[in-house]
Amino acid sequence: MVSLFDKVVRFANSPQGKQAVRKATEKAQQLADDPRTRARIDGVRRRIQGGRRDGGSGTGPAV
């Protein structure tokens, strides 16, 4: 019995799989270069990291 991982590897090594990976990589690069996407990522990063700066929301020992 062939595992799911083996099927994925076989597909990724096929011409169709290589084309799919190439398309996905190009799309990811386009999204990464888009200023709107970058702004959304920066906003989420600020919200996530912002809670850690106030000193009261962390789970570590108080200093």
Foldseek 3Di string as FASTA:
>chain_A
DDDPVNVLVVLCPDPNNVVVVVVVVVVVVVLVPDPVSVVVVVVVVCVVVVVVPVQPPDPDDRD
